[in-house]
Amino acid sequence: MLKEKDNIKTVPRPLFKTLRKERGSQRFVSIELDIAESYLRHLENGYCDPSPKLMFKIADYFQCSVYDLFPDLADLKNWSNNA
């Protein structure tokens, strides 16, 4: 489900948020992953997408599948044919 906030479309990532809360604050997890806290927040709320390398690093950190963690990126319907 897409949300639109100030004309920016976002896709919530509920598993990401749940797993992150189990590990601790956004600040703690961002330090563990060596990324900015604001970037982690944007990833968690679907405002931006990680690089493939970071996507797998985060999935490994949370010990889950990238497909479960980023379902919006795994869903081929969300990709355009303009590539």
N, C-alpha and C. Protein backbone atom coordinates (compact mmCIF):
# COMPACT_ATOMS: atom_id res chain seq x y z
N MET A 1 0.84 -1.18 0.00
CA MET A 1 0.00 0.00 0.00
C MET A 1 0.88 1.25 0.00
N LEU A 2 0.70 2.07 -0.98
CA LEU A 2 1.48 3.30 -1.07
C LEU A 2 0.84 4.38 -0.23
N LYS A 3 1.66 5.13 0.47
CA LYS A 3 1.19 6.32 1.17
C LYS A 3 1.76 7.51 0.42
N GLU A 4 1.05 8.60 0.43
CA GLU A 4 1.57 9.80 -0.21
C GLU A 4 1.63 10.91 0.82
N LYS A 5 2.82 11.45 1.03
CA LYS A 5 3.03 12.52 1.98
C LYS A 5 3.80 13.61 1.27
N ASP A 6 3.19 14.76 1.14
CA ASP A 6 3.83 15.89 0.46
C ASP A 6 4.31 15.49 -0.94
N ASN A 7 3.46 14.74 -1.66
CA ASN A 7 3.74 14.28 -3.02
C ASN A 7 4.92 13.32 -3.12
N ILE A 8 5.32 12.74 -1.99
CA ILE A 8 6.37 11.73 -1.99
C ILE A 8 5.71 10.40 -1.67
N LYS A 9 5.79 9.45 -2.59
CA LYS A 9 5.16 8.15 -2.36
C LYS A 9 6.09 7.29 -1.51
N THR A 10 5.50 6.68 -0.49
CA THR A 10 6.26 5.81 0.39
C THR A 10 5.57 4.46 0.50
N VAL A 11 6.35 3.45 0.79
CA VAL A 11 5.83 2.11 1.03
C VAL A 11 6.32 1.69 2.41
N PRO A 12 5.41 1.60 3.37
CA PRO A 12 5.85 1.20 4.71
C PRO A 12 6.48 -0.20 4.70
N ARG A 13 7.45 -0.38 5.54
CA ARG A 13 8.15 -1.66 5.67
C ARG A 13 8.00 -2.14 7.12
N PRO A 14 6.83 -2.74 7.43
CA PRO A 14 6.52 -3.07 8.83
C PRO A 14 7.49 -4.05 9.48
N LEU A 15 7.98 -5.05 8.75
CA LEU A 15 8.92 -5.99 9.35
C LEU A 15 10.22 -5.28 9.71
N PHE A 16 10.66 -4.40 8.86
CA PHE A 16 11.88 -3.62 9.12
C PHE A 16 11.72 -2.90 10.46
N LYS A 17 10.59 -2.21 10.63
CA LYS A 17 10.36 -1.44 11.85
C LYS A 17 10.28 -2.36 13.07
N THR A 18 9.60 -3.48 12.95
CA THR A 18 9.47 -4.43 14.05
C THR A 18 10.83 -4.98 14.48
N LEU A 19 11.62 -5.41 13.51
CA LEU A 19 12.94 -5.97 13.82
C LEU A 19 13.86 -4.90 14.38
N ARG A 20 13.77 -3.71 13.85
CA ARG A 20 14.62 -2.62 14.35
C ARG A 20 14.27 -2.31 15.81
N LYS A 21 12.97 -2.28 16.14
CA LYS A 21 12.56 -2.01 17.52
C LYS A 21 13.04 -3.11 18.47
N GLU A 22 13.08 -4.35 17.99
CA GLU A 22 13.59 -5.45 18.81
C GLU A 22 15.07 -5.27 19.12
N ARG A 23 15.80 -4.67 18.20
CA ARG A 23 17.24 -4.46 18.37
C ARG A 23 17.55 -3.20 19.18
N GLY A 24 16.65 -2.22 19.12
CA GLY A 24 16.89 -0.98 19.85
C GLY A 24 16.44 0.24 19.06
N SER A 25 16.98 1.37 19.46
CA SER A 25 16.59 2.64 18.84
C SER A 25 17.15 2.76 17.42
N GLN A 26 16.61 3.71 16.67
CA GLN A 26 17.13 3.98 15.33
C GLN A 26 18.59 4.39 15.41
N ARG A 27 18.93 5.14 16.44
CA ARG A 27 20.31 5.58 16.61
C ARG A 27 21.23 4.37 16.80
N PHE A 28 20.84 3.46 17.69
CA PHE A 28 21.66 2.28 17.97
C PHE A 28 21.86 1.43 16.71
N VAL A 29 20.77 1.13 16.02
CA VAL A 29 20.86 0.29 14.83
C VAL A 29 21.66 0.98 13.72
N SER A 30 21.47 2.27 13.57
CA SER A 30 22.22 2.99 12.53
C SER A 30 23.72 2.95 12.81
N ILE A 31 24.09 3.03 14.07
CA ILE A 31 25.51 2.94 14.44
C ILE A 31 26.03 1.54 14.13
N GLU A 32 25.24 0.53 14.49
CA GLU A 32 25.62 -0.87 14.22
C GLU A 32 25.82 -1.11 12.72
N LEU A 33 24.97 -0.50 11.90
CA LEU A 33 25.03 -0.69 10.45
C LEU A 33 25.97 0.30 9.75
N ASP A 34 26.48 1.26 10.51
CA ASP A 34 27.38 2.28 9.99
C ASP A 34 26.72 3.12 8.89
N ILE A 35 25.47 3.54 9.19
CA ILE A 35 24.76 4.46 8.29
C ILE A 35 24.17 5.59 9.14
N ALA A 36 23.78 6.66 8.51
CA ALA A 36 23.20 7.79 9.23
C ALA A 36 21.82 7.41 9.79
N GLU A 37 21.53 7.93 10.96
CA GLU A 37 20.23 7.67 11.59
C GLU A 37 19.08 8.12 10.70
N SER A 38 19.23 9.27 10.06
CA SER A 38 18.16 9.77 9.18
C SER A 38 17.96 8.84 7.97
N TYR A 39 19.06 8.26 7.48
CA TYR A 39 18.97 7.34 6.34
C TYR A 39 18.24 6.07 6.76
N LEU A 40 18.54 5.56 7.96
CA LEU A 40 17.85 4.39 8.47
C LEU A 40 16.35 4.68 8.59
N ARG A 41 16.00 5.84 9.10
CA ARG A 41 14.60 6.24 9.24
C ARG A 41 13.92 6.28 7.87
N HIS A 42 14.61 6.82 6.88
CA HIS A 42 14.05 6.88 5.53
C HIS A 42 13.86 5.47 4.93
N LEU A 43 14.81 4.60 5.17
CA LEU A 43 14.69 3.22 4.69
C LEU A 43 13.50 2.53 5.36
N GLU A 44 13.42 2.69 6.67
CA GLU A 44 12.37 2.05 7.46
C GLU A 44 10.98 2.50 7.02
N ASN A 45 10.85 3.76 6.70
CA ASN A 45 9.54 4.31 6.32
C ASN A 45 9.28 4.28 4.82
N GLY A 46 10.22 3.75 4.06
CA GLY A 46 10.02 3.59 2.63
C GLY A 46 10.21 4.83 1.80
N TYR A 47 10.90 5.84 2.33
CA TYR A 47 11.15 7.06 1.56
C TYR A 47 12.27 6.87 0.55
N CYS A 48 13.11 5.87 0.78
CA CYS A 48 14.21 5.61 -0.16
C CYS A 48 14.53 4.12 -0.15
N ASP A 49 15.31 3.71 -1.10
CA ASP A 49 15.68 2.30 -1.25
C ASP A 49 17.19 2.15 -1.06
N PRO A 50 17.61 1.08 -0.42
CA PRO A 50 19.05 0.87 -0.21
C PRO A 50 19.71 0.33 -1.47
N SER A 51 21.01 0.45 -1.52
CA SER A 51 21.77 -0.21 -2.58
C SER A 51 21.66 -1.71 -2.34
N PRO A 52 21.90 -2.51 -3.38
CA PRO A 52 21.86 -3.97 -3.16
C PRO A 52 22.80 -4.43 -2.06
N LYS A 53 23.99 -3.86 -2.00
CA LYS A 53 24.96 -4.25 -0.97
C LYS A 53 24.42 -3.95 0.43
N LEU A 54 23.85 -2.76 0.62
CA LEU A 54 23.31 -2.39 1.92
C LEU A 54 22.07 -3.22 2.24
N MET A 55 21.26 -3.52 1.23
CA MET A 55 20.06 -4.32 1.44
C MET A 55 20.43 -5.68 2.06
N PHE A 56 21.45 -6.32 1.51
CA PHE A 56 21.88 -7.61 2.03
C PHE A 56 22.56 -7.48 3.39
N LYS A 57 23.27 -6.38 3.61
CA LYS A 57 23.89 -6.14 4.91
C LYS A 57 22.82 -6.00 5.99
N ILE A 58 21.75 -5.28 5.69
CA ILE A 58 20.67 -5.09 6.66
C ILE A 58 19.94 -6.41 6.91
N ALA A 59 19.67 -7.15 5.85
CA ALA A 59 19.00 -8.45 5.99
C ALA A 59 19.84 -9.40 6.84
N ASP A 60 21.15 -9.39 6.62
CA ASP A 60 22.04 -10.23 7.42
C ASP A 60 22.02 -9.78 8.88
N TYR A 61 22.02 -8.48 9.12
CA TYR A 61 21.99 -7.93 10.47
C TYR A 61 20.73 -8.39 11.22
N PHE A 62 19.59 -8.34 10.53
CA PHE A 62 18.33 -8.74 11.15
C PHE A 62 18.06 -10.25 11.02
N GLN A 63 18.95 -10.95 10.33
CA GLN A 63 18.84 -12.39 10.11
C GLN A 63 17.49 -12.77 9.49
N CYS A 64 17.20 -12.11 8.37
CA CYS A 64 15.98 -12.41 7.64
C CYS A 64 16.24 -12.23 6.15
N SER A 65 15.25 -12.55 5.37
CA SER A 65 15.35 -12.47 3.92
C SER A 65 15.17 -11.02 3.44
N VAL A 66 15.91 -10.65 2.41
CA VAL A 66 15.71 -9.33 1.81
C VAL A 66 14.29 -9.21 1.25
N TYR A 67 13.73 -10.34 0.83
CA TYR A 67 12.38 -10.33 0.27
C TYR A 67 11.33 -10.01 1.33
N ASP A 68 11.57 -10.47 2.56
CA ASP A 68 10.65 -10.17 3.65
C ASP A 68 10.87 -8.75 4.18
N LEU A 69 12.10 -8.34 4.23
CA LEU A 69 12.45 -7.03 4.78
C LEU A 69 12.06 -5.89 3.85
N PHE A 70 12.21 -6.10 2.56
CA PHE A 70 11.89 -5.07 1.56
C PHE A 70 10.89 -5.64 0.54
N PRO A 71 9.66 -5.95 0.97
CA PRO A 71 8.70 -6.59 0.06
C PRO A 71 8.34 -5.72 -1.14
N ASP A 72 8.40 -4.41 -0.97
CA ASP A 72 8.09 -3.52 -2.08
C ASP A 72 9.13 -3.63 -3.19
N LEU A 73 10.37 -3.93 -2.85
CA LEU A 73 11.42 -4.07 -3.86
C LEU A 73 11.40 -5.45 -4.48
N ALA A 74 10.87 -6.42 -3.76
CA ALA A 74 10.79 -7.79 -4.26
C ALA A 74 9.60 -7.99 -5.18
N ASP A 75 8.63 -7.11 -5.11
CA ASP A 75 7.41 -7.23 -5.92
C ASP A 75 7.66 -6.63 -7.30
N LEU A 76 7.71 -7.48 -8.31
CA LEU A 76 8.01 -7.02 -9.66
C LEU A 76 6.98 -6.05 -10.21
N LYS A 77 5.77 -6.05 -9.66
CA LYS A 77 4.74 -5.12 -10.13
C LYS A 77 5.13 -3.66 -9.85
N ASN A 78 6.03 -3.46 -8.88
CA ASN A 78 6.45 -2.10 -8.52
C ASN A 78 7.54 -1.56 -9.44
N TRP A 79 8.10 -2.40 -10.28
CA TRP A 79 9.17 -1.98 -11.19
C TRP A 79 8.57 -1.56 -12.52
N SER A 80 9.06 -0.49 -13.06
CA SER A 80 8.56 -0.06 -14.36
C SER A 80 9.34 -0.76 -15.48
N ASN A 81 8.79 -0.73 -16.65
CA ASN A 81 9.44 -1.35 -17.82
C ASN A 81 10.36 -0.38 -18.54
N ASN A 82 10.67 0.74 -17.89
CA ASN A 82 11.49 1.76 -18.54
C ASN A 82 12.99 1.55 -18.32
N ALA A 83 13.37 0.42 -17.83
CA ALA A 83 14.79 0.18 -17.53
C ALA A 83 15.60 0.00 -18.78
